[in-house]
Amino acid sequence: MSYMGKPYYPAWLDNLAEDATLEGAAMEGAAHGAETVRSIVVAARALYEDQQFSYAGPFGHNGFLEVYTTPIKGKPTGVVVTVTRNADGKAQHVAVSHRPTSSMLLFSRLMGEKFTGSPNARYFTASGS
């Protein structure tokens, strides 16, 4: 994974507020807490086969934006990630959108399978529908 010729790692992932939240079209409800958010994002990144970034950088006064495509199990997927920082500069809220709907449902099913038996399973579907 690279952006503008450099290896890409989301710096905001190591700067989460303790009460950070994560939500997305592929999720049921919002995940709360830095460790929960981090574990979900790390698991999601493992499903991405080849992130191709069109943008990763500042957005607005207190935000960060990532726009990329990646195959998931070979299925083309577009992803937009918005990160809102709090007054201390920590990532407070993360919102993720996967498209098209079929890719979003596949992603949710795979995440549900990955988290089977853990508290994070409740955020994802096990059936993909």
C-alpha atoms as a PDB file:
ATOM      1  CA  MET A   1       0.000   0.000   0.000  1.00  0.00           C
ATOM      2  CA  SER A   2       1.401   3.324  -0.987  1.00  0.00           C
ATOM      3  CA  TYR A   3       0.343   6.885  -1.570  1.00  0.00           C
ATOM      4  CA  MET A   4       2.323   9.215  -3.806  1.00  0.00           C
ATOM      5  CA  GLY A   5       5.101   6.643  -3.970  1.00  0.00           C
ATOM      6  CA  LYS A   6       5.483   6.217  -0.207  1.00  0.00           C
ATOM      7  CA  PRO A   7       4.297   3.365   2.039  1.00  0.00           C
ATOM      8  CA  TYR A   8       0.939   4.283   3.547  1.00  0.00           C
ATOM      9  CA  TYR A   9      -0.093   3.752   7.135  1.00  0.00           C
ATOM     10  CA  PRO A  10      -2.913   5.816   8.637  1.00  0.00           C
ATOM     11  CA  ALA A  11      -1.136   7.935  11.265  1.00  0.00           C
ATOM     12  CA  TRP A  12      -4.492   8.724  12.874  1.00  0.00           C
ATOM     13  CA  LEU A  13      -4.786   5.037  13.842  1.00  0.00           C
ATOM     14  CA  ASP A  14      -2.044   5.517  16.450  1.00  0.00           C
ATOM     15  CA  ASN A  15      -3.597   8.751  17.702  1.00  0.00           C
ATOM     16  CA  LEU A  16      -7.122   7.679  18.700  1.00  0.00           C
ATOM     17  CA  ALA A  17      -9.008   9.377  21.515  1.00  0.00           C
ATOM     18  CA  GLU A  18      -9.816   6.926  24.307  1.00  0.00           C
ATOM     19  CA  ASP A  19     -13.536   7.450  23.592  1.00  0.00           C
ATOM     20  CA  ALA A  20     -13.169   7.303  19.785  1.00  0.00           C
ATOM     21  CA  THR A  21     -16.083   6.065  17.693  1.00  0.00           C
ATOM     22  CA  LEU A  22     -16.263   4.215  14.377  1.00  0.00           C
ATOM     23  CA  GLU A  23     -19.259   3.792  12.127  1.00  0.00           C
ATOM     24  CA  GLY A  24     -19.840   2.735   8.567  1.00  0.00           C
ATOM     25  CA  ALA A  25     -22.375   1.543   6.044  1.00  0.00           C
ATOM     26  CA  ALA A  26     -21.095  -2.019   6.579  1.00  0.00           C
ATOM     27  CA  MET A  27     -21.660  -1.786  10.340  1.00  0.00           C
ATOM     28  CA  GLU A  28     -24.669  -2.089  12.590  1.00  0.00           C
ATOM     29  CA  GLY A  29     -24.317   0.693  15.135  1.00  0.00           C
ATOM     30  CA  ALA A  30     -21.174   2.517  16.153  1.00  0.00           C
ATOM     31  CA  ALA A  31     -18.119   0.983  17.810  1.00  0.00           C
ATOM     32  CA  HIS A  32     -16.808   2.821  20.884  1.00  0.00           C
ATOM     33  CA  GLY A  33     -13.363   3.028  22.442  1.00  0.00           C
ATOM     34  CA  ALA A  34      -9.856   3.310  21.055  1.00  0.00           C
ATOM     35  CA  GLU A  35      -8.983  -0.383  21.320  1.00  0.00           C
ATOM     36  CA  THR A  36     -12.253  -1.487  19.695  1.00  0.00           C
ATOM     37  CA  VAL A  37     -11.866   1.018  16.855  1.00  0.00           C
ATOM     38  CA  ARG A  38      -8.228   0.032  16.339  1.00  0.00           C
ATOM     39  CA  SER A  39      -8.993  -3.698  16.253  1.00  0.00           C
ATOM     40  CA  ILE A  40     -11.753  -3.232  13.673  1.00  0.00           C
ATOM     41  CA  VAL A  41      -9.631  -0.979  11.441  1.00  0.00           C
ATOM     42  CA  VAL A  42      -6.661  -3.371  11.600  1.00  0.00           C
ATOM     43  CA  ALA A  43      -8.925  -6.308  10.694  1.00  0.00           C
ATOM     44  CA  ALA A  44     -10.431  -4.337   7.813  1.00  0.00           C
ATOM     45  CA  ARG A  45      -7.017  -3.419   6.430  1.00  0.00           C
ATOM     46  CA  ALA A  46      -6.146  -7.128   6.322  1.00  0.00           C
ATOM     47  CA  LEU A  47      -9.056  -7.692   3.884  1.00  0.00           C
ATOM     48  CA  TYR A  48      -7.863  -4.999   1.480  1.00  0.00           C
ATOM     49  CA  GLU A  49      -5.861  -6.646  -1.279  1.00  0.00           C
ATOM     50  CA  ASP A  50      -4.266  -3.606  -2.960  1.00  0.00           C
ATOM     51  CA  GLN A  51      -5.207  -0.124  -1.794  1.00  0.00           C
ATOM     52  CA  GLN A  52      -4.830   2.453  -4.569  1.00  0.00           C
ATOM     53  CA  PHE A  53      -5.132   5.922  -3.052  1.00  0.00           C
ATOM     54  CA  SER A  54      -6.409   8.951  -4.899  1.00  0.00           C
ATOM     55  CA  TYR A  55      -6.119  11.086  -1.757  1.00  0.00           C
ATOM     56  CA  ALA A  56      -4.989  10.818   1.864  1.00  0.00           C
ATOM     57  CA  GLY A  57      -4.576  14.018   3.792  1.00  0.00           C
ATOM     58  CA  PRO A  58      -6.056  16.960   5.655  1.00  0.00           C
ATOM     59  CA  PHE A  59      -9.669  17.846   5.145  1.00  0.00           C
ATOM     60  CA  GLY A  60     -11.231  20.937   6.662  1.00  0.00           C
ATOM     61  CA  HIS A  61     -10.069  22.435   9.942  1.00  0.00           C
ATOM     62  CA  ASN A  62     -10.047  19.270  12.075  1.00  0.00           C
ATOM     63  CA  GLY A  63     -10.366  16.385   9.654  1.00  0.00           C
ATOM     64  CA  PHE A  64      -8.483  13.807   7.656  1.00  0.00           C
ATOM     65  CA  LEU A  65      -9.735  12.117   4.488  1.00  0.00           C
ATOM     66  CA  GLU A  66      -8.749   8.902   2.714  1.00  0.00           C
ATOM     67  CA  VAL A  67     -10.128   7.993  -0.714  1.00  0.00           C
ATOM     68  CA  TYR A  68      -9.024   4.724  -2.291  1.00  0.00           C
ATOM     69  CA  THR A  69     -10.018   1.640  -4.197  1.00  0.00           C
ATOM     70  CA  THR A  70      -9.134  -1.930  -3.320  1.00  0.00           C
ATOM     71  CA  PRO A  71     -10.251  -5.388  -4.344  1.00  0.00           C
ATOM     72  CA  ILE A  72     -11.847  -7.426  -1.572  1.00  0.00           C
ATOM     73  CA  LYS A  73     -11.819 -11.112  -2.560  1.00  0.00           C
ATOM     74  CA  GLY A  74     -11.221  -9.805  -6.081  1.00  0.00           C
ATOM     75  CA  LYS A  75     -14.323  -7.575  -6.045  1.00  0.00           C
ATOM     76  CA  PRO A  76     -13.586  -3.917  -6.893  1.00  0.00           C
ATOM     77  CA  THR A  77     -14.385  -1.689  -3.924  1.00  0.00           C
ATOM     78  CA  GLY A  78     -14.276   2.054  -3.424  1.00  0.00           C
ATOM     79  CA  VAL A  79     -13.659   3.362   0.097  1.00  0.00           C
ATOM     80  CA  VAL A  80     -13.936   6.796   1.673  1.00  0.00           C
ATOM     81  CA  VAL A  81     -12.742   7.313   5.242  1.00  0.00           C
ATOM     82  CA  THR A  82     -13.385  10.532   7.139  1.00  0.00           C
ATOM     83  CA  VAL A  83     -11.662  11.186  10.434  1.00  0.00           C
ATOM     84  CA  THR A  84     -12.695  14.021  12.728  1.00  0.00           C
ATOM     85  CA  ARG A  85     -10.187  15.146  15.335  1.00  0.00           C
ATOM     86  CA  ASN A  86     -11.044  16.530  18.768  1.00  0.00           C
ATOM     87  CA  ALA A  87      -9.583  19.706  20.331  1.00  0.00           C
ATOM     88  CA  ASP A  88      -6.502  17.709  21.424  1.00  0.00           C
ATOM     89  CA  GLY A  89      -5.818  16.614  17.834  1.00  0.00           C
ATOM     90  CA  LYS A  90      -6.783  12.992  18.490  1.00  0.00           C
ATOM     91  CA  ALA A  91      -8.979  10.998  16.107  1.00  0.00           C
ATOM     92  CA  GLN A  92     -12.401  11.225  17.743  1.00  0.00           C
ATOM     93  CA  HIS A  93     -14.758   9.902  15.081  1.00  0.00           C
ATOM     94  CA  VAL A  94     -14.103   7.695  12.066  1.00  0.00           C
ATOM     95  CA  ALA A  95     -16.704   7.055   9.358  1.00  0.00           C
ATOM     96  CA  VAL A  96     -16.109   4.549   6.554  1.00  0.00           C
ATOM     97  CA  SER A  97     -18.107   4.104   3.376  1.00  0.00           C
ATOM     98  CA  HIS A  98     -17.634   1.116   1.053  1.00  0.00           C
ATOM     99  CA  ARG A  99     -19.221   0.987  -2.396  1.00  0.00           C
ATOM    100  CA  PRO A 100     -20.933  -0.489  -4.345  1.00  0.00           C
ATOM    101  CA  THR A 101     -23.525  -2.120  -2.103  1.00  0.00           C
ATOM    102  CA  SER A 102     -22.451  -5.633  -3.109  1.00  0.00           C
ATOM    103  CA  SER A 103     -18.870  -4.890  -1.988  1.00  0.00           C
ATOM    104  CA  MET A 104     -20.113  -3.337   1.250  1.00  0.00           C
ATOM    105  CA  LEU A 105     -22.190  -6.445   2.008  1.00  0.00           C
ATOM    106  CA  LEU A 106     -19.234  -8.725   1.210  1.00  0.00           C
ATOM    107  CA  PHE A 107     -16.998  -6.660   3.490  1.00  0.00           C
ATOM    108  CA  SER A 108     -19.557  -6.822   6.320  1.00  0.00           C
ATOM    109  CA  ARG A 109     -19.915 -10.588   5.965  1.00  0.00           C
ATOM    110  CA  LEU A 110     -16.139 -11.151   5.964  1.00  0.00           C
ATOM    111  CA  MET A 111     -15.717  -8.908   9.015  1.00  0.00           C
ATOM    112  CA  GLY A 112     -18.539 -10.789  10.749  1.00  0.00           C
ATOM    113  CA  GLU A 113     -16.757 -14.063  10.033  1.00  0.00           C
ATOM    114  CA  LYS A 114     -13.437 -12.642  11.229  1.00  0.00           C
ATOM    115  CA  PHE A 115     -14.961 -11.510  14.533  1.00  0.00           C
ATOM    116  CA  THR A 116     -17.170 -14.576  15.152  1.00  0.00           C
ATOM    117  CA  GLY A 117     -17.290 -15.265  18.874  1.00  0.00           C
ATOM    118  CA  SER A 118     -15.930 -11.834  19.847  1.00  0.00           C
ATOM    119  CA  PRO A 119     -17.796  -8.735  21.051  1.00  0.00           C
ATOM    120  CA  ASN A 120     -17.003  -7.004  17.731  1.00  0.00           C
ATOM    121  CA  ALA A 121     -19.090  -9.566  15.791  1.00  0.00           C
ATOM    122  CA  ARG A 122     -22.256  -7.621  16.697  1.00  0.00           C
ATOM    123  CA  TYR A 123     -21.243  -4.768  14.374  1.00  0.00           C
ATOM    124  CA  PHE A 124     -21.229  -6.941  11.247  1.00  0.00           C
ATOM    125  CA  THR A 125     -23.519  -9.332   9.436  1.00  0.00           C
ATOM    126  CA  ALA A 126     -22.655 -13.018   9.233  1.00  0.00           C
ATOM    127  CA  SER A 127     -24.807 -13.626   6.151  1.00  0.00           C
ATOM    128  CA  GLY A 128     -23.858 -10.686   3.933  1.00  0.00           C
ATOM    129  CA  SER A 129     -27.489  -9.641   3.574  1.00  0.00           C
END
